[in-house]
N, C-alpha and C. Protein backbone atom coordinates (compact mmCIF):
# COMPACT_ATOMS: atom_id res chain seq x y z
N MET A 1 88.43 105.35 103.08
CA MET A 1 90.06 104.19 103.22
C MET A 1 90.88 104.59 104.37
N THR A 2 91.92 103.54 105.26
CA THR A 2 92.75 103.58 105.99
C THR A 2 93.97 102.59 106.21
N PHE A 3 94.75 102.83 106.45
CA PHE A 3 96.04 101.80 106.99
C PHE A 3 96.29 101.78 108.28
N ILE A 4 96.54 100.90 108.64
CA ILE A 4 97.08 100.71 110.07
C ILE A 4 98.33 100.65 110.40
N VAL A 5 98.42 101.32 111.46
CA VAL A 5 100.16 100.95 111.94
C VAL A 5 100.27 100.52 113.16
N ASN A 6 101.98 99.82 113.50
CA ASN A 6 101.74 99.41 114.37
C ASN A 6 102.78 99.07 115.16
N PHE A 7 102.86 100.27 116.32
CA PHE A 7 104.22 100.70 116.88
C PHE A 7 104.11 100.88 118.10
N GLU A 8 105.17 100.18 118.83
CA GLU A 8 105.00 99.76 120.56
C GLU A 8 103.86 99.25 120.81
N ASN A 9 103.69 98.41 120.32
CA ASN A 9 102.56 97.36 120.85
C ASN A 9 101.01 98.53 120.45
N LYS A 10 100.60 99.30 119.90
CA LYS A 10 99.85 100.25 119.80
C LYS A 10 99.57 99.83 118.41
N LYS A 11 98.12 99.83 117.86
CA LYS A 11 97.68 99.53 116.74
C LYS A 11 97.06 101.15 116.68
N GLU A 12 97.13 101.83 115.80
CA GLU A 12 96.16 102.99 115.39
C GLU A 12 95.99 103.34 113.66
N GLU A 13 94.61 103.60 113.52
CA GLU A 13 94.17 103.77 111.89
C GLU A 13 94.91 104.80 111.90
N TYR A 14 95.00 105.21 110.11
CA TYR A 14 95.38 106.13 109.34
C TYR A 14 94.84 106.87 108.14
N PRO A 15 94.37 108.16 108.22
CA PRO A 15 93.48 108.10 106.72
C PRO A 15 94.68 107.51 105.77
N TYR A 16 94.29 106.85 104.67
CA TYR A 16 94.90 106.59 103.67
C TYR A 16 94.83 107.99 102.94
N LYS A 17 96.28 108.29 101.84
CA LYS A 17 96.53 109.53 100.73
C LYS A 17 97.16 108.90 99.85
N GLN A 18 96.60 108.68 98.98
CA GLN A 18 97.21 108.43 97.50
C GLN A 18 98.46 108.73 97.29
N GLY A 19 99.51 108.25 97.05
CA GLY A 19 100.86 108.49 96.71
C GLY A 19 101.81 108.27 97.76
N LYS A 20 101.30 108.58 99.25
CA LYS A 20 101.79 108.54 100.27
C LYS A 20 102.97 107.11 100.42
N THR A 21 104.21 107.43 100.97
CA THR A 21 105.61 106.50 101.30
C THR A 21 105.49 106.33 103.14
N ILE A 22 106.40 105.16 102.99
CA ILE A 22 106.91 105.11 104.31
C ILE A 22 107.32 105.95 104.80
N GLN A 23 108.57 106.91 103.95
CA GLN A 23 109.29 108.01 104.68
C GLN A 23 107.89 108.94 105.05
N ASP A 24 107.10 109.29 104.19
CA ASP A 24 106.00 110.61 104.47
C ASP A 24 105.43 110.13 106.29
N LEU A 25 105.46 108.74 105.94
CA LEU A 25 104.40 108.06 107.32
C LEU A 25 105.82 108.35 108.49
N LEU A 26 107.07 108.35 108.45
CA LEU A 26 108.42 108.17 109.18
C LEU A 26 108.23 109.57 109.35
N ASN A 27 108.38 110.80 108.45
CA ASN A 27 108.04 111.99 108.95
C ASN A 27 106.96 112.91 109.70
N GLU A 28 105.99 112.51 109.56
CA GLU A 28 104.67 112.38 110.50
C GLU A 28 104.90 112.30 111.46
N LEU A 29 105.44 110.70 112.15
CA LEU A 29 105.86 110.43 113.46
C LEU A 29 106.93 111.17 114.16
N GLU A 30 107.57 111.70 113.55
CA GLU A 30 108.49 112.25 113.43
C GLU A 30 109.92 111.17 114.73
N ILE A 31 110.06 110.17 113.14
CA ILE A 31 110.98 108.74 113.81
C ILE A 31 111.80 108.67 112.75
N SER A 32 112.86 108.52 113.15
CA SER A 32 113.95 108.02 112.11
C SER A 32 114.01 107.09 111.44
N SER A 33 114.34 106.73 110.53
CA SER A 33 114.17 105.26 109.65
C SER A 33 115.80 104.77 110.12
N GLU A 34 116.32 105.65 110.64
CA GLU A 34 117.96 105.01 110.96
C GLU A 34 117.53 103.71 112.25
N THR A 35 116.15 104.19 113.00
CA THR A 35 116.40 103.44 114.34
C THR A 35 114.95 102.40 113.82
N LEU A 36 114.77 101.87 113.12
CA LEU A 36 113.46 101.03 112.73
C LEU A 36 113.78 100.31 111.57
N VAL A 37 113.21 98.71 111.69
CA VAL A 37 112.90 98.18 110.37
C VAL A 37 111.53 98.14 110.16
N VAL A 38 110.92 98.34 108.77
CA VAL A 38 109.49 98.56 108.25
C VAL A 38 109.20 97.27 107.98
N LYS A 39 107.60 96.91 107.90
CA LYS A 39 107.21 95.83 107.44
C LYS A 39 105.82 96.52 106.85
N ARG A 40 105.34 96.00 105.71
CA ARG A 40 104.32 96.02 105.01
C ARG A 40 103.44 94.86 105.17
N ASN A 41 102.69 94.78 105.30
CA ASN A 41 101.82 93.43 105.61
C ASN A 41 102.77 92.28 105.49
N GLY A 42 103.51 92.53 106.40
CA GLY A 42 104.48 91.13 106.97
C GLY A 42 105.76 90.97 105.84
N GLU A 43 106.12 92.11 105.07
CA GLU A 43 107.18 91.93 104.56
C GLU A 43 108.13 92.99 104.93
N ILE A 44 109.31 93.00 104.64
CA ILE A 44 110.24 94.16 104.88
C ILE A 44 110.13 94.85 103.54
N VAL A 45 110.09 96.20 103.73
CA VAL A 45 110.02 97.12 102.73
C VAL A 45 111.29 98.77 103.33
N ILE A 46 111.37 99.22 101.89
CA ILE A 46 112.08 100.10 102.18
C ILE A 46 111.30 101.54 102.43
N GLU A 47 112.03 102.81 102.91
CA GLU A 47 111.53 104.15 102.78
C GLU A 47 110.83 104.35 101.56
N GLU A 48 110.96 104.14 100.47
CA GLU A 48 110.55 104.62 99.11
C GLU A 48 108.92 104.02 98.52
N THR A 49 108.81 102.83 99.57
CA THR A 49 107.12 101.83 99.28
C THR A 49 106.51 102.63 99.68
N VAL A 50 105.31 102.72 98.78
CA VAL A 50 103.94 103.63 98.87
C VAL A 50 102.82 102.38 99.95
N ILE A 51 102.62 103.41 100.36
CA ILE A 51 101.58 102.55 101.38
C ILE A 51 99.97 102.31 100.55
N GLU A 52 99.08 101.59 100.74
CA GLU A 52 98.24 101.15 100.33
C GLU A 52 97.04 101.10 101.17
N LYS A 53 95.69 101.59 100.41
CA LYS A 53 94.10 100.92 101.09
C LYS A 53 94.50 99.65 101.86
N GLY A 54 94.14 100.19 103.72
CA GLY A 54 94.12 98.59 104.02
C GLY A 54 95.48 98.03 104.28
N ASP A 55 96.46 98.76 104.05
CA ASP A 55 97.91 98.33 104.65
C ASP A 55 98.24 98.20 106.00
N GLU A 56 98.91 96.94 106.24
CA GLU A 56 99.04 97.24 107.85
C GLU A 56 100.58 97.41 107.58
N ILE A 57 100.91 98.12 108.33
CA ILE A 57 102.49 98.91 108.28
C ILE A 57 103.18 98.57 110.02
N GLN A 58 103.88 97.71 110.08
CA GLN A 58 104.59 97.58 111.56
C GLN A 58 105.78 98.16 111.76
N LEU A 59 106.21 99.15 112.61
CA LEU A 59 107.51 99.91 112.81
C LEU A 59 108.31 99.11 113.88
N ILE A 60 109.47 98.69 114.03
CA ILE A 60 110.03 97.57 114.82
C ILE A 60 111.24 98.17 114.79
N GLN A 61 111.33 98.49 116.46
CA GLN A 61 112.87 99.60 116.89
C GLN A 61 113.72 98.52 117.14
N ILE A 62 115.10 98.91 116.49
CA ILE A 62 115.96 98.67 116.60
C ILE A 62 116.78 99.04 117.92
N ILE A 63 117.76 97.84 118.50
CA ILE A 63 118.12 98.49 120.25
C ILE A 63 119.74 97.85 119.60
N TYR A 64 120.07 99.28 120.07
CA TYR A 64 121.60 98.81 119.34
C TYR A 64 122.26 99.14 121.40
N GLY A 65 123.65 98.22 121.04
CA GLY A 65 123.98 98.37 122.33
C GLY A 65 125.36 97.80 122.30
N GLY A 66 126.40 97.79 123.52
CA GLY A 66 127.61 97.23 123.35
C GLY A 66 127.89 97.03 124.61
């Protein structure tokens, strides 16, 4: 079973692993959670959220400026 990650207008499938969290995924992708908003199946979630089979994870880059 897999889950989908949608980041920078690209959708990719990743293998599901029981107990894997959003933070685990971000670590694998070498992305800081400080620069993102993360949604799981359309709902904003925190880094400790566990990824389930078939989930769609959307990583939304935050733009800072001044």
